[in-house]
Amino acid sequence: MAGHSHWAGIKHKKAANDAKRGKVWSKCAKNIMLAAKNGGSNIQFNLKLAYAVEAAKETNMPKDRIEYAIKKGAGEIEGVIFEELMYEGFGPANVGYIIEVLTDNRHRTAPEMKKLFEKAGGKLGTPGSVKFGFQYKGMFAVKKEGTDENKVMEIALDAGAENMEDDGEYFSVTCAAADHHTVKTALLAAGLQLEADEIAWIPNTFVDISEHEAEKVERFKEAIEDHDDVQNVYTNHSVVTA
């Protein structure tokens, strides 16, 4: 990943302005409900729910809304049923997109995704057409301040991490998705500060695009993220400056 910082602009990634806060909370609530539906309402025994609640707290979602979403997902309160879907496609500059969705109506969401791609001059792909070029990994951005590379590497690798790189302002640690919780626990127990952590689709290779093309790519990505059913969007592009 040298030269292709996954954490570029990470400080702004999870920030939500007032106009978008309701939409962000809605997406968090869907994620919580699905996790509770599939694994139960006890956070101690439902790791996916624990992650969903943690993500919701990071957006300052009110506690009562979080608790309501858990109860709704667990069936304690009657509500709609959501399902997880994944869409893959190619957008502007032939950049690949993986889109994770939670929807209560796949027959509505699918044509809306297709229309978004076509409007941007792209094309919705078939299952696996983009995903084959990605790996599902746990990732951490560890603050450099107050630590050193050897210490972070030793702690991370001992906990099961696969790799660590100097990513500019951070040390970027990657691990298998199944080891995410174990590695995170070890990093935090050592007193290291995590600027961000997630389980994400990470590209094996990157599509180099120009700064001009990057504007179109980002506009399209924002249009997808603005869709109510979309939870996460992953791409494989890297901007090459002149």
Protein backbone atom coordinates (compact mmCIF):
# COMPACT_ATOMS: atom_id res chain seq x y z
CA MET A 1 0.00 0.00 0.00
CA ALA A 2 3.02 2.27 -0.14
CA GLY A 3 2.01 5.58 -1.67
CA HIS A 4 -1.69 4.75 -1.44
CA SER A 5 -2.73 5.93 2.00
CA HIS A 6 -5.97 4.28 3.08
CA TRP A 7 -6.23 6.80 5.91
CA ALA A 8 -5.89 9.95 3.81
CA GLY A 9 -8.25 12.48 5.28
CA ILE A 10 -9.25 10.09 8.07
CA LYS A 11 -9.88 12.97 10.48
CA HIS A 12 -12.81 14.03 8.34
CA LYS A 13 -14.11 10.58 7.47
CA LYS A 14 -16.52 10.13 10.36
CA ALA A 15 -17.44 13.76 10.87
CA ALA A 16 -21.09 14.50 10.16
CA ASN A 17 -22.41 18.03 9.90
CA ASP A 18 -25.79 18.94 11.34
CA ALA A 19 -27.55 18.64 7.98
CA LYS A 20 -26.49 15.02 7.58
CA ARG A 21 -26.66 13.87 11.21
CA GLY A 22 -30.17 12.40 10.89
CA LYS A 23 -29.14 10.41 7.81
CA VAL A 24 -26.01 9.12 9.56
CA TRP A 25 -28.01 8.04 12.60
CA SER A 26 -30.53 6.29 10.36
CA LYS A 27 -27.75 4.24 8.78
CA CYS A 28 -26.34 3.41 12.22
CA ALA A 29 -29.76 2.33 13.46
CA LYS A 30 -30.19 -0.04 10.50
CA ASN A 31 -26.81 -1.60 11.20
CA ILE A 32 -27.64 -2.05 14.88
CA MET A 33 -31.03 -3.60 14.09
CA LEU A 34 -29.55 -6.12 11.66
CA ALA A 35 -26.79 -7.10 14.10
CA ALA A 36 -29.33 -7.56 16.92
CA LYS A 37 -31.64 -9.55 14.64
CA ASN A 38 -28.87 -11.96 13.61
CA GLY A 39 -27.01 -12.31 16.90
CA GLY A 40 -29.26 -11.19 19.72
CA SER A 41 -29.39 -8.09 21.90
CA ASN A 42 -26.56 -8.97 24.32
CA ILE A 43 -23.50 -6.97 23.28
CA GLN A 44 -21.17 -9.21 25.29
CA PHE A 45 -22.05 -12.18 23.09
CA ASN A 46 -22.66 -10.35 19.82
CA LEU A 47 -19.45 -8.84 18.49
CA LYS A 48 -21.08 -7.42 15.37
CA LEU A 49 -23.62 -5.59 17.54
CA ALA A 50 -20.81 -4.26 19.72
CA TYR A 51 -19.10 -2.81 16.64
CA ALA A 52 -22.37 -1.31 15.38
CA VAL A 53 -23.07 0.35 18.73
CA GLU A 54 -19.52 1.66 18.96
CA ALA A 55 -19.82 3.18 15.47
CA ALA A 56 -23.12 4.80 16.46
CA LYS A 57 -21.58 6.31 19.58
CA GLU A 58 -18.79 7.81 17.48
CA THR A 59 -21.46 9.82 15.61
CA ASN A 60 -22.91 11.00 18.95
CA MET A 61 -26.11 9.04 18.36
CA PRO A 62 -28.27 9.37 21.50
CA LYS A 63 -28.27 6.44 23.92
CA ASP A 64 -32.06 6.05 23.80
CA ARG A 65 -31.98 5.74 20.00
CA ILE A 66 -29.29 3.07 20.23
CA GLU A 67 -31.27 1.09 22.81
CA TYR A 68 -34.44 1.42 20.73
CA ALA A 69 -32.65 0.10 17.63
CA ILE A 70 -31.32 -2.88 19.58
CA LYS A 71 -34.78 -3.78 20.89
CA LYS A 72 -36.33 -3.30 17.47
CA GLY A 73 -33.77 -5.53 15.79
CA ALA A 74 -34.10 -8.22 18.46
CA GLY A 75 -37.85 -8.36 17.90
CA GLU A 76 -38.84 -6.77 21.20
CA ILE A 77 -40.46 -3.96 19.20
CA GLU A 78 -42.28 -4.58 15.93
CA GLY A 79 -40.46 -3.16 12.93
CA VAL A 80 -39.39 -3.66 9.32
CA ILE A 81 -36.95 -6.38 8.31
CA PHE A 82 -33.65 -5.37 6.71
CA GLU A 83 -31.31 -7.53 4.66
CA GLU A 84 -27.66 -7.10 3.77
CA LEU A 85 -26.80 -6.76 0.09
CA MET A 86 -23.65 -5.96 -1.85
CA TYR A 87 -23.44 -4.21 -5.20
CA GLU A 88 -20.34 -4.04 -7.39
CA GLY A 89 -19.67 -1.86 -10.37
CA PHE A 90 -17.39 0.45 -12.32
CA GLY A 91 -17.79 4.21 -12.14
CA PRO A 92 -15.98 7.20 -13.68
CA ALA A 93 -12.39 6.51 -14.84
CA ASN A 94 -13.17 2.77 -14.61
CA VAL A 95 -12.76 2.86 -10.82
CA GLY A 96 -14.17 -0.21 -9.07
CA TYR A 97 -16.82 0.16 -6.36
CA ILE A 98 -18.02 -2.20 -3.64
CA ILE A 99 -21.22 -0.97 -2.01
CA GLU A 100 -22.63 -2.48 1.19
CA VAL A 101 -26.35 -1.95 1.61
CA LEU A 102 -29.06 -2.52 4.22
CA THR A 103 -32.50 -2.44 2.65
CA ASP A 104 -36.07 -3.42 3.40
CA ASN A 105 -36.83 -3.69 -0.33
CA ARG A 106 -34.19 -5.04 -2.69
CA HIS A 107 -36.54 -4.55 -5.64
CA ARG A 108 -36.40 -0.80 -5.00
CA THR A 109 -32.70 -0.54 -4.19
CA ALA A 110 -31.30 -2.49 -7.16
CA PRO A 111 -32.72 -0.26 -9.93
CA GLU A 112 -31.75 2.84 -7.94
CA MET A 113 -28.14 1.62 -7.77
CA LYS A 114 -28.20 0.85 -11.50
CA LYS A 115 -29.51 4.33 -12.26
CA LEU A 116 -26.78 6.00 -10.16
CA PHE A 117 -24.05 4.14 -12.06
CA GLU A 118 -25.55 4.85 -15.48
CA LYS A 119 -26.01 8.54 -14.69
CA ALA A 120 -22.28 8.79 -13.93
CA GLY A 121 -21.32 6.98 -17.12
CA GLY A 122 -20.53 3.77 -15.25
CA LYS A 123 -22.02 0.31 -15.11
CA LEU A 124 -23.37 -1.89 -12.35
CA GLY A 125 -21.46 -5.16 -12.41
CA THR A 126 -22.22 -8.79 -11.61
CA PRO A 127 -21.37 -10.37 -8.22
CA GLY A 128 -17.60 -10.86 -7.98
CA SER A 129 -16.75 -8.54 -10.88
CA VAL A 130 -15.05 -6.08 -8.52
CA LYS A 131 -14.73 -7.96 -5.24
CA PHE A 132 -12.15 -10.40 -6.62
CA GLY A 133 -9.64 -7.52 -6.60
CA PHE A 134 -10.17 -6.75 -2.90
CA GLN A 135 -9.53 -8.43 0.44
CA TYR A 136 -11.73 -8.15 3.54
CA LYS A 137 -9.37 -6.99 6.29
CA GLY A 138 -9.23 -5.42 9.72
CA MET A 139 -7.38 -2.10 9.66
CA PHE A 140 -6.11 0.29 12.32
CA ALA A 141 -4.59 3.77 12.20
CA VAL A 142 -2.28 4.02 15.22
CA LYS A 143 -1.10 7.46 16.28
CA LYS A 144 2.68 7.84 16.17
CA GLU A 145 2.82 10.31 19.04
CA GLY A 146 4.27 8.79 22.20
CA THR A 147 5.34 5.49 20.65
CA ASP A 148 7.75 4.02 18.09
CA GLU A 149 7.51 1.71 15.14
CA ASN A 150 9.20 -1.30 16.76
CA LYS A 151 6.86 -1.22 19.76
CA VAL A 152 3.73 -1.02 17.65
CA MET A 153 4.94 -3.74 15.31
CA GLU A 154 5.78 -6.11 18.16
CA ILE A 155 2.40 -5.65 19.85
CA ALA A 156 0.46 -5.92 16.60
CA LEU A 157 2.22 -9.00 15.23
CA ASP A 158 2.10 -10.81 18.58
CA ALA A 159 -1.68 -10.26 18.58
CA GLY A 160 -2.06 -11.75 15.11
CA ALA A 161 -1.71 -8.77 12.76
CA GLU A 162 -0.46 -9.53 9.25
CA ASN A 163 1.32 -6.31 8.39
CA MET A 164 2.23 -2.81 9.56
CA GLU A 165 3.39 0.18 7.52
CA ASP A 166 4.39 3.77 8.12
CA ASP A 167 1.47 5.66 6.64
CA GLY A 168 2.70 9.20 7.21
CA GLU A 169 0.90 10.51 10.27
CA TYR A 170 -0.02 7.00 11.44
CA PHE A 171 1.16 3.42 11.62
CA SER A 172 -1.25 1.40 9.48
CA VAL A 173 -1.89 -2.09 10.85
CA THR A 174 -3.78 -4.79 8.93
CA CYS A 175 -5.08 -8.17 10.03
CA ALA A 176 -7.55 -10.85 9.02
CA ALA A 177 -11.14 -9.72 9.59
CA ALA A 178 -11.63 -12.53 12.13
CA ASP A 179 -8.68 -11.22 14.19
CA HIS A 180 -9.86 -7.60 14.32
CA HIS A 181 -11.18 -7.72 17.90
CA THR A 182 -8.08 -9.53 19.25
CA VAL A 183 -5.65 -7.09 17.62
CA LYS A 184 -7.70 -4.07 18.70
CA THR A 185 -7.79 -5.30 22.31
CA ALA A 186 -4.01 -5.75 22.32
CA LEU A 187 -3.32 -2.31 20.85
CA LEU A 188 -5.59 -0.57 23.34
CA ALA A 189 -4.24 -2.61 26.28
CA ALA A 190 -0.76 -1.37 25.39
CA GLY A 191 -1.95 2.23 25.70
CA LEU A 192 -1.76 2.96 21.98
CA GLN A 193 -4.15 5.55 20.52
CA LEU A 194 -6.27 4.52 17.58
CA GLU A 195 -7.31 7.35 15.30
CA ALA A 196 -9.52 4.87 13.42
CA ASP A 197 -10.23 1.19 13.06
CA GLU A 198 -12.54 -0.77 10.80
CA ILE A 199 -13.14 -3.97 8.92
CA ALA A 200 -13.10 -3.02 5.27
CA TRP A 201 -12.65 -4.15 1.69
CA ILE A 202 -9.06 -3.25 0.81
CA PRO A 203 -7.94 -3.26 -2.86
CA ASN A 204 -5.06 -5.49 -3.92
CA THR A 205 -4.10 -3.00 -6.63
CA PHE A 206 -5.06 0.58 -7.37
CA VAL A 207 -6.35 2.38 -10.45
CA ASP A 208 -4.31 5.55 -10.96
CA ILE A 209 -6.44 8.55 -11.90
CA SER A 210 -5.72 12.22 -12.55
CA GLU A 211 -6.80 15.07 -10.27
CA HIS A 212 -9.43 16.02 -12.85
CA GLU A 213 -10.84 12.48 -12.87
CA ALA A 214 -10.74 12.45 -9.08
CA GLU A 215 -13.38 15.19 -8.95
CA LYS A 216 -15.82 13.03 -10.91
CA VAL A 217 -14.98 9.96 -8.83
CA GLU A 218 -15.59 11.79 -5.55
CA ARG A 219 -18.87 13.30 -6.77
CA PHE A 220 -20.09 9.85 -7.73
CA LYS A 221 -18.95 8.35 -4.42
CA GLU A 222 -20.82 11.08 -2.52
CA ALA A 223 -23.96 10.43 -4.57
CA ILE A 224 -23.84 6.75 -3.65
CA GLU A 225 -23.14 7.44 0.03
CA ASP A 226 -26.10 9.81 0.11
CA HIS A 227 -28.47 6.96 -0.72
CA ASP A 228 -30.48 6.02 2.37
CA ASP A 229 -29.79 2.28 2.06
CA VAL A 230 -26.02 2.54 1.59
CA GLN A 231 -23.86 1.72 4.61
CA ASN A 232 -20.32 1.61 3.20
CA VAL A 233 -18.58 2.36 -0.10
CA TYR A 234 -15.12 1.09 -1.05
CA THR A 235 -13.07 2.01 -4.12
CA ASN A 236 -9.70 1.13 -5.64
CA HIS A 237 -8.49 4.48 -6.95
CA SER A 238 -5.36 6.47 -6.24
CA VAL A 239 -4.86 10.08 -7.36
CA VAL A 240 -1.69 10.79 -9.34
CA THR A 241 -0.63 14.41 -9.04
CA ALA A 242 1.05 16.18 -11.93
